Amino acid sequence: MFTPLPNALDRWYRFRMDWKRRRLRARAILRRGELTCLRRGSWDRDAILLFCTIRNEAERLDWFLHHYRTLGVGHFIFVDNDSTDDTRARVLALPDATVYATGASYKAARFGMDWINWLMLRHAQGHWCVVADADELLIYPHWQTRPLPALTKWLEAQGQPVMPAMMLELYPKGPLDQAVYAPGTDPTTCLDWFDAGNYTITHKPLLDCLLIQGGPRARCFFERAPNRAPTLTKLPLIRWSWHYAWVNSTHSILPRALNRVFATDTGERVAGALLHTKFLPTVVEKSRIEKVRAQHFGDAPVFDSYYDSVAQAPDLWCPASTRYGGWEQLEDLGLMSRGGWA
């Protein structure tokens, strides 16, 4: 059960994080000059918006759009970070997209979050928004039959401006480069295995957030340094306000009260999952490229070895792997919760 902080310490953390929030917003405003608007679309006042920084994701784009349109996203706002395939041309041709472009450093922009903070400050006030990477597919209880507008209406009635989701890393059985995937199709038909139980949860009091780690990357690539494994906690669905600011990807946000998405008693709150489709066959070649670009992680020695390992096309499957079977299965495993969203 969650243990509350002493009042004085909690006030001190709120004070520190409020100044951090102001700095992050100012930083985002200063970075706005790195973005060029190539296409400005329009959307309804009640449209659900999706924000995504994208680079060389042509093979995923069609299914990504299909998935989120089916969920009820009304407009996409993309930042294309120097794609060298036809990603940019394809998003520019979309009738329901606004497209910005930048050649600036993804890493220097806090891994793209300065750009997202600015664009949400500019466009998202009062809107429910999804923030997701191109390899992340949001699901939640009853997602096939209850679209996002129904969920957001229910969240509003509960006084919940944020819905969390655990990033569930999917992978194939066999070497990564031997999987068969047809671009534009559902990646979960190719990536149909996941780790069901090797997760740790830590409360981070400064941000008042939960840190979930584990999964195949922790098991295969960070066995000797599990605390360096990727964070799996995310806040992909949020009703945006101008004074918010993302801290570290969508793992945490300010004001820090927004990170309190977990129950502090014996009950549960609604929580979804982000199906992470990173490990398509092209990840092997992309790992070689991304190691050279060095744009994704702050500690190069640690992550250079990660990229080297992925470039060897390992088999992430193990006898404890579980075949993916839908949201009901994830709820039974405790990786998703419907809360009161019955």
C-alpha atoms as a PDB file:
ATOM      1  CA  MET A   1       0.000   0.000   0.000  1.00  0.00           C
ATOM      2  CA  PHE A   2       1.150   3.564  -0.752  1.00  0.00           C
ATOM      3  CA  THR A   3       2.768   5.372   2.197  1.00  0.00           C
ATOM      4  CA  PRO A   4       2.128   9.153   2.125  1.00  0.00           C
ATOM      5  CA  LEU A   5       5.002  11.578   2.582  1.00  0.00           C
ATOM      6  CA  PRO A   6       5.275  13.815   5.632  1.00  0.00           C
ATOM      7  CA  ASN A   7       3.487  17.088   4.933  1.00  0.00           C
ATOM      8  CA  ALA A   8       6.611  19.255   5.075  1.00  0.00           C
ATOM      9  CA  LEU A   9       8.520  17.031   2.656  1.00  0.00           C
ATOM     10  CA  ASP A  10       5.562  16.840   0.301  1.00  0.00           C
ATOM     11  CA  ARG A  11       5.307  20.649   0.236  1.00  0.00           C
ATOM     12  CA  TRP A  12       9.034  20.919  -0.489  1.00  0.00           C
ATOM     13  CA  TYR A  13       8.724  18.462  -3.389  1.00  0.00           C
ATOM     14  CA  ARG A  14       5.731  20.374  -4.778  1.00  0.00           C
ATOM     15  CA  PHE A  15       7.713  23.621  -4.607  1.00  0.00           C
ATOM     16  CA  ARG A  16      10.726  22.134  -6.408  1.00  0.00           C
ATOM     17  CA  MET A  17       8.636  20.497  -9.093  1.00  0.00           C
ATOM     18  CA  ASP A  18       6.612  23.652  -9.687  1.00  0.00           C
ATOM     19  CA  TRP A  19       9.808  25.484 -10.587  1.00  0.00           C
ATOM     20  CA  LYS A  20      10.842  22.578 -12.785  1.00  0.00           C
ATOM     21  CA  ARG A  21       7.478  22.738 -14.561  1.00  0.00           C
ATOM     22  CA  ARG A  22       8.010  26.442 -15.282  1.00  0.00           C
ATOM     23  CA  ARG A  23      11.505  25.791 -16.619  1.00  0.00           C
ATOM     24  CA  LEU A  24      10.288  22.992 -18.889  1.00  0.00           C
ATOM     25  CA  ARG A  25       7.532  25.165 -20.319  1.00  0.00           C
ATOM     26  CA  ALA A  26       9.987  28.009 -20.935  1.00  0.00           C
ATOM     27  CA  ARG A  27      12.418  25.590 -22.555  1.00  0.00           C
ATOM     28  CA  ALA A  28       9.689  24.304 -24.874  1.00  0.00           C
ATOM     29  CA  ILE A  29       8.752  27.837 -25.915  1.00  0.00           C
ATOM     30  CA  LEU A  30      12.393  28.585 -26.724  1.00  0.00           C
ATOM     31  CA  ARG A  31      12.598  25.412 -28.855  1.00  0.00           C
ATOM     32  CA  ARG A  32       9.596  26.334 -30.978  1.00  0.00           C
ATOM     33  CA  GLY A  33      11.897  27.828 -33.602  1.00  0.00           C
ATOM     34  CA  GLU A  34      13.233  24.353 -34.383  1.00  0.00           C
ATOM     35  CA  LEU A  35       9.849  23.353 -35.816  1.00  0.00           C
ATOM     36  CA  THR A  36       8.523  24.261 -39.255  1.00  0.00           C
ATOM     37  CA  CYS A  37       4.833  23.732 -39.981  1.00  0.00           C
ATOM     38  CA  LEU A  38       4.498  21.981 -43.335  1.00  0.00           C
ATOM     39  CA  ARG A  39       0.778  21.337 -43.189  1.00  0.00           C
ATOM     40  CA  ARG A  40      -1.846  22.770 -40.865  1.00  0.00           C
ATOM     41  CA  GLY A  41      -5.059  20.790 -40.609  1.00  0.00           C
ATOM     42  CA  SER A  42      -8.237  21.580 -38.720  1.00  0.00           C
ATOM     43  CA  TRP A  43     -10.199  19.765 -36.054  1.00  0.00           C
ATOM     44  CA  ASP A  44     -13.394  20.039 -34.053  1.00  0.00           C
ATOM     45  CA  ARG A  45     -13.478  21.579 -30.599  1.00  0.00           C
ATOM     46  CA  ASP A  46     -14.153  18.205 -29.004  1.00  0.00           C
ATOM     47  CA  ALA A  47     -11.719  16.213 -31.158  1.00  0.00           C
ATOM     48  CA  ILE A  48      -9.287  13.837 -29.486  1.00  0.00           C
ATOM     49  CA  LEU A  49      -5.805  14.775 -30.689  1.00  0.00           C
ATOM     50  CA  LEU A  50      -2.781  12.511 -31.050  1.00  0.00           C
ATOM     51  CA  PHE A  51       0.768  13.881 -30.803  1.00  0.00           C
ATOM     52  CA  CYS A  52       3.674  11.857 -32.173  1.00  0.00           C
ATOM     53  CA  THR A  53       7.325  12.467 -33.003  1.00  0.00           C
ATOM     54  CA  ILE A  54       8.178  10.223 -35.924  1.00  0.00           C
ATOM     55  CA  ARG A  55      11.205   9.195 -37.964  1.00  0.00           C
ATOM     56  CA  ASN A  56      11.391   6.507 -40.677  1.00  0.00           C
ATOM     57  CA  GLU A  57       8.212   4.681 -39.656  1.00  0.00           C
ATOM     58  CA  ALA A  58       6.642   4.052 -43.057  1.00  0.00           C
ATOM     59  CA  GLU A  59       6.151   0.346 -42.379  1.00  0.00           C
ATOM     60  CA  ARG A  60       4.124   1.048 -39.219  1.00  0.00           C
ATOM     61  CA  LEU A  61       2.242   4.130 -40.323  1.00  0.00           C
ATOM     62  CA  ASP A  62      -0.835   2.593 -41.978  1.00  0.00           C
ATOM     63  CA  TRP A  63      -1.684   0.337 -39.037  1.00  0.00           C
ATOM     64  CA  PHE A  64      -0.888   3.068 -36.517  1.00  0.00           C
ATOM     65  CA  LEU A  65      -3.381   5.374 -38.241  1.00  0.00           C
ATOM     66  CA  HIS A  66      -5.965   2.621 -38.597  1.00  0.00           C
ATOM     67  CA  HIS A  67      -5.707   1.676 -34.937  1.00  0.00           C
ATOM     68  CA  TYR A  68      -6.065   5.182 -33.559  1.00  0.00           C
ATOM     69  CA  ARG A  69      -8.753   6.270 -36.015  1.00  0.00           C
ATOM     70  CA  THR A  70     -10.734   3.200 -34.956  1.00  0.00           C
ATOM     71  CA  LEU A  71     -10.291   4.218 -31.317  1.00  0.00           C
ATOM     72  CA  GLY A  72     -11.694   7.657 -32.084  1.00  0.00           C
ATOM     73  CA  VAL A  73      -8.714   9.974 -32.577  1.00  0.00           C
ATOM     74  CA  GLY A  74      -9.943  12.950 -34.587  1.00  0.00           C
ATOM     75  CA  HIS A  75      -6.655  14.558 -35.643  1.00  0.00           C
ATOM     76  CA  PHE A  76      -2.954  13.664 -35.704  1.00  0.00           C
ATOM     77  CA  ILE A  77      -0.166  16.158 -35.027  1.00  0.00           C
ATOM     78  CA  PHE A  78       3.171  14.784 -36.198  1.00  0.00           C
ATOM     79  CA  VAL A  79       6.724  16.025 -35.790  1.00  0.00           C
ATOM     80  CA  ASP A  80       8.834  14.488 -38.531  1.00  0.00           C
ATOM     81  CA  ASN A  81      12.452  14.402 -37.352  1.00  0.00           C
ATOM     82  CA  ASP A  82      14.374  14.152 -40.645  1.00  0.00           C
ATOM     83  CA  SER A  83      12.879  10.956 -42.037  1.00  0.00           C
ATOM     84  CA  THR A  84      14.885   9.488 -44.914  1.00  0.00           C
ATOM     85  CA  ASP A  85      12.164   7.108 -46.123  1.00  0.00           C
ATOM     86  CA  ASP A  86       8.745   8.278 -47.387  1.00  0.00           C
ATOM     87  CA  THR A  87       7.265   8.862 -43.923  1.00  0.00           C
ATOM     88  CA  ARG A  88       7.112  12.633 -44.349  1.00  0.00           C
ATOM     89  CA  ALA A  89       5.447  12.495 -47.755  1.00  0.00           C
ATOM     90  CA  ARG A  90       2.880  10.056 -46.454  1.00  0.00           C
ATOM     91  CA  VAL A  91       1.870  12.081 -43.400  1.00  0.00           C
ATOM     92  CA  LEU A  92       1.691  15.231 -45.516  1.00  0.00           C
ATOM     93  CA  ALA A  93      -0.891  13.490 -47.702  1.00  0.00           C
ATOM     94  CA  LEU A  94      -3.172  12.662 -44.771  1.00  0.00           C
ATOM     95  CA  PRO A  95      -6.458  14.601 -44.585  1.00  0.00           C
ATOM     96  CA  ASP A  96      -6.559  14.442 -40.780  1.00  0.00           C
ATOM     97  CA  ALA A  97      -2.993  15.446 -39.915  1.00  0.00           C
ATOM     98  CA  THR A  98      -0.984  18.524 -39.046  1.00  0.00           C
ATOM     99  CA  VAL A  99       2.694  18.067 -39.835  1.00  0.00           C
ATOM    100  CA  TYR A 100       5.730  19.821 -38.413  1.00  0.00           C
ATOM    101  CA  ALA A 101       9.293  19.099 -39.486  1.00  0.00           C
ATOM    102  CA  THR A 102      12.641  19.528 -37.799  1.00  0.00           C
ATOM    103  CA  GLY A 103      16.227  18.613 -38.466  1.00  0.00           C
ATOM    104  CA  ALA A 104      17.270  19.506 -34.924  1.00  0.00           C
ATOM    105  CA  SER A 105      18.704  17.054 -32.427  1.00  0.00           C
ATOM    106  CA  TYR A 106      16.128  14.708 -30.912  1.00  0.00           C
ATOM    107  CA  LYS A 107      18.415  14.189 -27.921  1.00  0.00           C
ATOM    108  CA  ALA A 108      19.006  17.914 -27.350  1.00  0.00           C
ATOM    109  CA  ALA A 109      15.241  18.453 -27.402  1.00  0.00           C
ATOM    110  CA  ARG A 110      14.966  16.096 -24.406  1.00  0.00           C
ATOM    111  CA  PHE A 111      14.216  13.197 -26.749  1.00  0.00           C
ATOM    112  CA  GLY A 112      11.537  15.184 -28.521  1.00  0.00           C
ATOM    113  CA  MET A 113       9.588  16.231 -25.432  1.00  0.00           C
ATOM    114  CA  ASP A 114      10.442  19.931 -25.800  1.00  0.00           C
ATOM    115  CA  TRP A 115       8.717  19.828 -29.198  1.00  0.00           C
ATOM    116  CA  ILE A 116       5.710  17.949 -27.852  1.00  0.00           C
ATOM    117  CA  ASN A 117       5.389  20.297 -24.869  1.00  0.00           C
ATOM    118  CA  TRP A 118       5.369  23.287 -27.217  1.00  0.00           C
ATOM    119  CA  LEU A 119       2.864  21.804 -29.665  1.00  0.00           C
ATOM    120  CA  MET A 120       0.519  20.778 -26.873  1.00  0.00           C
ATOM    121  CA  LEU A 121       0.836  24.221 -25.330  1.00  0.00           C
ATOM    122  CA  ARG A 122      -0.123  25.679 -28.697  1.00  0.00           C
ATOM    123  CA  HIS A 123      -2.830  23.276 -29.866  1.00  0.00           C
ATOM    124  CA  ALA A 124      -4.117  21.034 -27.089  1.00  0.00           C
ATOM    125  CA  GLN A 125      -5.746  23.289 -24.488  1.00  0.00           C
ATOM    126  CA  GLY A 126      -8.911  21.593 -23.209  1.00  0.00           C
ATOM    127  CA  HIS A 127      -8.594  18.587 -25.532  1.00  0.00           C
ATOM    128  CA  TRP A 128      -8.246  14.972 -24.566  1.00  0.00           C
ATOM    129  CA  CYS A 129      -4.992  13.874 -26.144  1.00  0.00           C
ATOM    130  CA  VAL A 130      -3.077  10.710 -26.862  1.00  0.00           C
ATOM    131  CA  VAL A 131       0.712  10.977 -26.849  1.00  0.00           C
ATOM    132  CA  ALA A 132       2.315   7.901 -28.382  1.00  0.00           C
ATOM    133  CA  ASP A 133       5.282   6.789 -30.443  1.00  0.00           C
ATOM    134  CA  ALA A 134       4.701   5.125 -33.793  1.00  0.00           C
ATOM    135  CA  ASP A 135       5.511   1.737 -32.254  1.00  0.00           C
ATOM    136  CA  GLU A 136       2.955   2.099 -29.428  1.00  0.00           C
ATOM    137  CA  LEU A 137      -0.655   0.955 -29.757  1.00  0.00           C
ATOM    138  CA  LEU A 138      -2.912   1.993 -26.886  1.00  0.00           C
ATOM    139  CA  ILE A 139      -5.497  -0.504 -25.674  1.00  0.00           C
ATOM    140  CA  TYR A 140      -7.731  -0.478 -22.583  1.00  0.00           C
ATOM    141  CA  PRO A 141     -10.606  -2.554 -21.192  1.00  0.00           C
ATOM    142  CA  HIS A 142     -13.389  -2.923 -23.791  1.00  0.00           C
ATOM    143  CA  TRP A 143     -11.363  -0.992 -26.372  1.00  0.00           C
ATOM    144  CA  GLN A 144     -12.849  -2.896 -29.328  1.00  0.00           C
ATOM    145  CA  THR A 145     -16.418  -1.874 -28.411  1.00  0.00           C
ATOM    146  CA  ARG A 146     -16.033   1.379 -26.456  1.00  0.00           C
ATOM    147  CA  PRO A 147     -14.100   4.103 -28.285  1.00  0.00           C
ATOM    148  CA  LEU A 148     -12.020   6.799 -26.672  1.00  0.00           C
ATOM    149  CA  PRO A 149     -14.833   9.404 -26.514  1.00  0.00           C
ATOM    150  CA  ALA A 150     -16.810   7.036 -24.276  1.00  0.00           C
ATOM    151  CA  LEU A 151     -13.778   6.441 -22.077  1.00  0.00           C
ATOM    152  CA  THR A 152     -12.860  10.120 -21.781  1.00  0.00           C
ATOM    153  CA  LYS A 153     -16.446  11.029 -20.904  1.00  0.00           C
ATOM    154  CA  TRP A 154     -16.342   8.437 -18.127  1.00  0.00           C
ATOM    155  CA  LEU A 155     -12.932   9.664 -16.911  1.00  0.00           C
ATOM    156  CA  GLU A 156     -14.273  13.214 -16.730  1.00  0.00           C
ATOM    157  CA  ALA A 157     -17.192  12.041 -14.637  1.00  0.00           C
ATOM    158  CA  GLN A 158     -14.699  10.380 -12.269  1.00  0.00           C
ATOM    159  CA  GLY A 159     -12.583  13.532 -12.048  1.00  0.00           C
ATOM    160  CA  GLN A 160      -9.615  11.726 -13.646  1.00  0.00           C
ATOM    161  CA  PRO A 161      -7.716  13.834 -16.218  1.00  0.00           C
ATOM    162  CA  VAL A 162      -5.149  11.092 -16.950  1.00  0.00           C
ATOM    163  CA  MET A 163      -5.229   7.379 -17.756  1.00  0.00           C
ATOM    164  CA  PRO A 164      -2.012   5.415 -17.250  1.00  0.00           C
ATOM    165  CA  ALA A 165      -0.826   2.453 -19.271  1.00  0.00           C
ATOM    166  CA  MET A 166       2.000  -0.018 -18.878  1.00  0.00           C
ATOM    167  CA  MET A 167       4.164  -0.457 -21.950  1.00  0.00           C
ATOM    168  CA  LEU A 168       3.916  -4.153 -22.847  1.00  0.00           C
ATOM    169  CA  GLU A 169       6.828  -5.206 -25.010  1.00  0.00           C
ATOM    170  CA  LEU A 170       5.854  -7.726 -27.677  1.00  0.00           C
ATOM    171  CA  TYR A 171       8.320  -9.931 -29.524  1.00  0.00           C
ATOM    172  CA  PRO A 172       8.406 -12.914 -31.921  1.00  0.00           C
ATOM    173  CA  LYS A 173       9.552 -16.446 -31.236  1.00  0.00           C
ATOM    174  CA  GLY A 174      12.929 -16.908 -32.900  1.00  0.00           C
ATOM    175  CA  PRO A 175      15.633 -14.508 -34.106  1.00  0.00           C
ATOM    176  CA  LEU A 176      14.345 -10.980 -34.505  1.00  0.00           C
ATOM    177  CA  ASP A 177      15.296 -10.714 -38.163  1.00  0.00           C
ATOM    178  CA  GLN A 178      13.541 -13.971 -39.075  1.00  0.00           C
ATOM    179  CA  ALA A 179      10.029 -12.833 -38.203  1.00  0.00           C
ATOM    180  CA  VAL A 180       7.716 -12.197 -41.158  1.00  0.00           C
ATOM    181  CA  TYR A 181       5.860  -8.892 -41.259  1.00  0.00           C
ATOM    182  CA  ALA A 182       3.911  -7.250 -44.084  1.00  0.00           C
ATOM    183  CA  PRO A 183       4.086  -3.449 -43.755  1.00  0.00           C
ATOM    184  CA  GLY A 184       0.738  -1.895 -42.938  1.00  0.00           C
ATOM    185  CA  THR A 185      -0.687  -4.983 -41.251  1.00  0.00           C
ATOM    186  CA  ASP A 186      -1.352  -5.632 -37.575  1.00  0.00           C
ATOM    187  CA  PRO A 187       2.102  -6.050 -35.948  1.00  0.00           C
ATOM    188  CA  THR A 188       0.664  -8.184 -33.140  1.00  0.00           C
ATOM    189  CA  THR A 189       0.248 -11.044 -35.634  1.00  0.00           C
ATOM    190  CA  CYS A 190       4.034 -11.066 -35.958  1.00  0.00           C
ATOM    191  CA  LEU A 191       4.909  -9.998 -32.417  1.00  0.00           C
ATOM    192  CA  ASP A 192       2.697 -12.303 -30.390  1.00  0.00           C
ATOM    193  CA  TRP A 193       4.692 -13.055 -27.216  1.00  0.00           C
ATOM    194  CA  PHE A 194       5.360 -11.070 -24.035  1.00  0.00           C
ATOM    195  CA  ASP A 195       6.721 -11.412 -20.500  1.00  0.00           C
ATOM    196  CA  ALA A 196       3.883 -11.910 -18.045  1.00  0.00           C
ATOM    197  CA  GLY A 197       5.489 -11.560 -14.655  1.00  0.00           C
ATOM    198  CA  ASN A 198       9.048 -10.233 -14.277  1.00  0.00           C
ATOM    199  CA  TYR A 199       8.166  -6.656 -13.312  1.00  0.00           C
ATOM    200  CA  THR A 200       9.163  -4.384 -10.443  1.00  0.00           C
ATOM    201  CA  ILE A 201       7.260  -1.317  -9.240  1.00  0.00           C
ATOM    202  CA  THR A 202       8.921   1.533  -7.352  1.00  0.00           C
ATOM    203  CA  HIS A 203       7.347   4.714  -6.021  1.00  0.00           C
ATOM    204  CA  LYS A 204       9.368   7.846  -6.869  1.00  0.00           C
ATOM    205  CA  PRO A 205       8.366  10.414  -4.236  1.00  0.00           C
ATOM    206  CA  LEU A 206       9.848  13.501  -5.893  1.00  0.00           C
ATOM    207  CA  LEU A 207       7.448  13.199  -8.832  1.00  0.00           C
ATOM    208  CA  ASP A 208       4.936  11.090  -6.897  1.00  0.00           C
ATOM    209  CA  CYS A 209       4.933   8.572  -9.740  1.00  0.00           C
ATOM    210  CA  LEU A 210       5.383   4.845 -10.176  1.00  0.00           C
ATOM    211  CA  LEU A 211       8.362   3.357 -11.982  1.00  0.00           C
ATOM    212  CA  ILE A 212       7.716  -0.019 -13.617  1.00  0.00           C
ATOM    213  CA  GLN A 213      10.654  -1.942 -15.065  1.00  0.00           C
ATOM    214  CA  GLY A 214      11.060  -5.426 -16.446  1.00  0.00           C
ATOM    215  CA  GLY A 215      10.033  -7.269 -19.583  1.00  0.00           C
ATOM    216  CA  PRO A 216      12.243  -8.763 -22.294  1.00  0.00           C
ATOM    217  CA  ARG A 217      14.688  -5.856 -22.551  1.00  0.00           C
ATOM    218  CA  ALA A 218      15.402  -5.953 -18.825  1.00  0.00           C
ATOM    219  CA  ARG A 219      15.702  -9.745 -18.936  1.00  0.00           C
ATOM    220  CA  CYS A 220      17.935  -9.987 -22.010  1.00  0.00           C
ATOM    221  CA  PHE A 221      19.921  -6.749 -22.180  1.00  0.00           C
ATOM    222  CA  PHE A 222      20.051  -5.261 -18.673  1.00  0.00           C
ATOM    223  CA  GLU A 223      20.449  -8.314 -16.491  1.00  0.00           C
ATOM    224  CA  ARG A 224      23.542  -6.846 -14.817  1.00  0.00           C
ATOM    225  CA  ALA A 225      22.037  -3.377 -14.438  1.00  0.00           C
ATOM    226  CA  PRO A 226      18.265  -3.837 -14.026  1.00  0.00           C
ATOM    227  CA  ASN A 227      17.891  -0.297 -12.691  1.00  0.00           C
ATOM    228  CA  ARG A 228      19.013   0.957 -16.124  1.00  0.00           C
ATOM    229  CA  ALA A 229      16.309  -0.979 -17.955  1.00  0.00           C
ATOM    230  CA  PRO A 230      13.700   1.085 -19.819  1.00  0.00           C
ATOM    231  CA  THR A 231      10.817   2.552 -17.850  1.00  0.00           C
ATOM    232  CA  LEU A 232       7.501   0.950 -18.750  1.00  0.00           C
ATOM    233  CA  THR A 233       5.149   3.355 -16.946  1.00  0.00           C
ATOM    234  CA  LYS A 234       3.387   5.803 -19.268  1.00  0.00           C
ATOM    235  CA  LEU A 235       0.552   8.339 -19.219  1.00  0.00           C
ATOM    236  CA  PRO A 236      -0.629   8.203 -22.840  1.00  0.00           C
ATOM    237  CA  LEU A 237      -4.144   9.645 -22.430  1.00  0.00           C
ATOM    238  CA  ILE A 238      -4.635  13.052 -20.843  1.00  0.00           C
ATOM    239  CA  ARG A 239      -6.939  16.049 -20.887  1.00  0.00           C
ATOM    240  CA  TRP A 240      -4.477  18.841 -21.541  1.00  0.00           C
ATOM    241  CA  SER A 241      -4.140  22.193 -19.836  1.00  0.00           C
ATOM    242  CA  TRP A 242      -1.728  24.962 -20.796  1.00  0.00           C
ATOM    243  CA  HIS A 243       0.188  24.824 -17.506  1.00  0.00           C
ATOM    244  CA  TYR A 244       1.168  21.135 -17.813  1.00  0.00           C
ATOM    245  CA  ALA A 245       4.626  19.941 -18.877  1.00  0.00           C
ATOM    246  CA  TRP A 246       5.994  16.504 -19.690  1.00  0.00           C
ATOM    247  CA  VAL A 247       9.110  15.618 -17.712  1.00  0.00           C
ATOM    248  CA  ASN A 248      10.552  12.419 -19.164  1.00  0.00           C
ATOM    249  CA  SER A 249       8.801  11.098 -22.262  1.00  0.00           C
ATOM    250  CA  THR A 250       5.258  10.384 -21.047  1.00  0.00           C
ATOM    251  CA  HIS A 251       6.571   8.562 -17.974  1.00  0.00           C
ATOM    252  CA  SER A 252       5.846  11.550 -15.749  1.00  0.00           C
ATOM    253  CA  ILE A 253       4.289  14.989 -15.929  1.00  0.00           C
ATOM    254  CA  LEU A 254       3.967  18.190 -13.925  1.00  0.00           C
ATOM    255  CA  PRO A 255       2.149  19.320 -11.836  1.00  0.00           C
ATOM    256  CA  ARG A 256       3.148  16.234  -9.916  1.00  0.00           C
ATOM    257  CA  ALA A 257      -0.401  15.559  -8.669  1.00  0.00           C
ATOM    258  CA  LEU A 258      -1.184  14.300 -12.187  1.00  0.00           C
ATOM    259  CA  ASN A 259       1.176  11.376 -11.639  1.00  0.00           C
ATOM    260  CA  ARG A 260      -1.031  10.052  -8.811  1.00  0.00           C
ATOM    261  CA  VAL A 261      -2.870   7.712 -11.172  1.00  0.00           C
ATOM    262  CA  PHE A 262      -2.626   4.738  -8.810  1.00  0.00           C
ATOM    263  CA  ALA A 263      -5.037   3.894  -6.033  1.00  0.00           C
ATOM    264  CA  THR A 264      -3.863   4.737  -2.520  1.00  0.00           C
ATOM    265  CA  ASP A 265      -6.201   2.240  -0.873  1.00  0.00           C
ATOM    266  CA  THR A 266      -7.145  -1.334  -1.704  1.00  0.00           C
ATOM    267  CA  GLY A 267      -9.125  -0.379  -4.825  1.00  0.00           C
ATOM    268  CA  GLU A 268      -8.020  -0.033  -8.442  1.00  0.00           C
ATOM    269  CA  ARG A 269      -8.227   2.643 -11.096  1.00  0.00           C
ATOM    270  CA  VAL A 270      -8.678   2.095 -14.800  1.00  0.00           C
ATOM    271  CA  ALA A 271      -5.385   1.452 -16.600  1.00  0.00           C
ATOM    272  CA  GLY A 272      -4.578   0.450 -20.149  1.00  0.00           C
ATOM    273  CA  ALA A 273      -1.594  -0.970 -21.958  1.00  0.00           C
ATOM    274  CA  LEU A 274       0.656   0.311 -24.708  1.00  0.00           C
ATOM    275  CA  LEU A 275       1.467  -2.592 -27.004  1.00  0.00           C
ATOM    276  CA  HIS A 276       5.095  -1.900 -27.881  1.00  0.00           C
ATOM    277  CA  THR A 277       5.871  -3.156 -31.387  1.00  0.00           C
ATOM    278  CA  LYS A 278       9.522  -2.179 -31.451  1.00  0.00           C
ATOM    279  CA  PHE A 279      10.823  -5.645 -32.304  1.00  0.00           C
ATOM    280  CA  LEU A 280       9.738  -5.947 -35.920  1.00  0.00           C
ATOM    281  CA  PRO A 281      12.446  -7.474 -38.147  1.00  0.00           C
ATOM    282  CA  THR A 282      13.750  -4.038 -39.199  1.00  0.00           C
ATOM    283  CA  VAL A 283      14.798  -3.313 -35.589  1.00  0.00           C
ATOM    284  CA  VAL A 284      18.050  -5.172 -36.271  1.00  0.00           C
ATOM    285  CA  GLU A 285      19.219  -2.764 -38.964  1.00  0.00           C
ATOM    286  CA  LYS A 286      17.721   0.237 -37.173  1.00  0.00           C
ATOM    287  CA  SER A 287      19.773  -0.603 -34.073  1.00  0.00           C
ATOM    288  CA  ARG A 288      22.971  -0.317 -36.080  1.00  0.00           C
ATOM    289  CA  ILE A 289      21.843   3.050 -37.428  1.00  0.00           C
ATOM    290  CA  GLU A 290      20.646   4.395 -34.076  1.00  0.00           C
ATOM    291  CA  LYS A 291      23.879   3.460 -32.349  1.00  0.00           C
ATOM    292  CA  VAL A 292      25.730   5.719 -34.776  1.00  0.00           C
ATOM    293  CA  ARG A 293      23.145   8.518 -34.477  1.00  0.00           C
ATOM    294  CA  ALA A 294      23.276   8.354 -30.645  1.00  0.00           C
ATOM    295  CA  GLN A 295      20.033  10.291 -30.300  1.00  0.00           C
ATOM    296  CA  HIS A 296      17.960   8.114 -27.992  1.00  0.00           C
ATOM    297  CA  PHE A 297      19.722   7.652 -24.666  1.00  0.00           C
ATOM    298  CA  GLY A 298      21.855   9.724 -22.366  1.00  0.00           C
ATOM    299  CA  ASP A 299      24.410   7.100 -21.289  1.00  0.00           C
ATOM    300  CA  ALA A 300      26.133   5.923 -24.463  1.00  0.00           C
ATOM    301  CA  PRO A 301      28.329   3.134 -22.967  1.00  0.00           C
ATOM    302  CA  VAL A 302      25.305   1.413 -21.423  1.00  0.00           C
ATOM    303  CA  PHE A 303      23.110   1.643 -24.484  1.00  0.00           C
ATOM    304  CA  ASP A 304      25.834   0.989 -27.053  1.00  0.00           C
ATOM    305  CA  SER A 305      25.965  -2.559 -25.756  1.00  0.00           C
ATOM    306  CA  TYR A 306      22.167  -2.733 -25.982  1.00  0.00           C
ATOM    307  CA  TYR A 307      22.235  -1.690 -29.638  1.00  0.00           C
ATOM    308  CA  ASP A 308      25.047  -4.159 -30.332  1.00  0.00           C
ATOM    309  CA  SER A 309      22.995  -6.947 -28.797  1.00  0.00           C
ATOM    310  CA  VAL A 310      19.856  -6.137 -30.787  1.00  0.00           C
ATOM    311  CA  ALA A 311      21.938  -5.905 -33.965  1.00  0.00           C
ATOM    312  CA  GLN A 312      22.825  -9.588 -33.450  1.00  0.00           C
ATOM    313  CA  ALA A 313      19.123 -10.480 -33.948  1.00  0.00           C
ATOM    314  CA  PRO A 314      18.687 -12.362 -30.657  1.00  0.00           C
ATOM    315  CA  ASP A 315      15.769 -14.614 -29.785  1.00  0.00           C
ATOM    316  CA  LEU A 316      13.883 -12.907 -26.932  1.00  0.00           C
ATOM    317  CA  TRP A 317      11.570 -15.870 -26.420  1.00  0.00           C
ATOM    318  CA  CYS A 318      12.084 -18.049 -23.350  1.00  0.00           C
ATOM    319  CA  PRO A 319      10.104 -20.919 -21.778  1.00  0.00           C
ATOM    320  CA  ALA A 320       8.336 -18.425 -19.507  1.00  0.00           C
ATOM    321  CA  SER A 321       7.102 -16.316 -22.430  1.00  0.00           C
ATOM    322  CA  THR A 322       3.335 -15.924 -22.810  1.00  0.00           C
ATOM    323  CA  ARG A 323       1.426 -15.695 -26.076  1.00  0.00           C
ATOM    324  CA  TYR A 324      -0.577 -12.479 -26.339  1.00  0.00           C
ATOM    325  CA  GLY A 325      -4.329 -13.033 -26.173  1.00  0.00           C
ATOM    326  CA  GLY A 326      -6.061  -9.695 -25.704  1.00  0.00           C
ATOM    327  CA  TRP A 327      -6.972  -7.230 -22.984  1.00  0.00           C
ATOM    328  CA  GLU A 328      -8.938  -9.718 -20.882  1.00  0.00           C
ATOM    329  CA  GLN A 329      -5.792 -11.824 -20.569  1.00  0.00           C
ATOM    330  CA  LEU A 330      -3.783  -8.760 -19.495  1.00  0.00           C
ATOM    331  CA  GLU A 331      -6.382  -7.913 -16.869  1.00  0.00           C
ATOM    332  CA  ASP A 332      -6.280 -11.473 -15.508  1.00  0.00           C
ATOM    333  CA  LEU A 333      -2.486 -11.126 -15.221  1.00  0.00           C
ATOM    334  CA  GLY A 334      -2.750  -7.811 -13.364  1.00  0.00           C
ATOM    335  CA  LEU A 335      -1.147  -5.843 -16.213  1.00  0.00           C
ATOM    336  CA  MET A 336      -4.312  -3.860 -16.928  1.00  0.00           C
ATOM    337  CA  SER A 337      -7.267  -2.782 -14.837  1.00  0.00           C
ATOM    338  CA  ARG A 338     -10.814  -1.761 -15.661  1.00  0.00           C
ATOM    339  CA  GLY A 339     -11.286  -0.114 -12.238  1.00  0.00           C
ATOM    340  CA  GLY A 340     -14.864   1.138 -12.256  1.00  0.00           C
ATOM    341  CA  TRP A 341     -14.950   1.102 -16.073  1.00  0.00           C
ATOM    342  CA  ALA A 342     -17.027  -2.073 -16.048  1.00  0.00           C
END
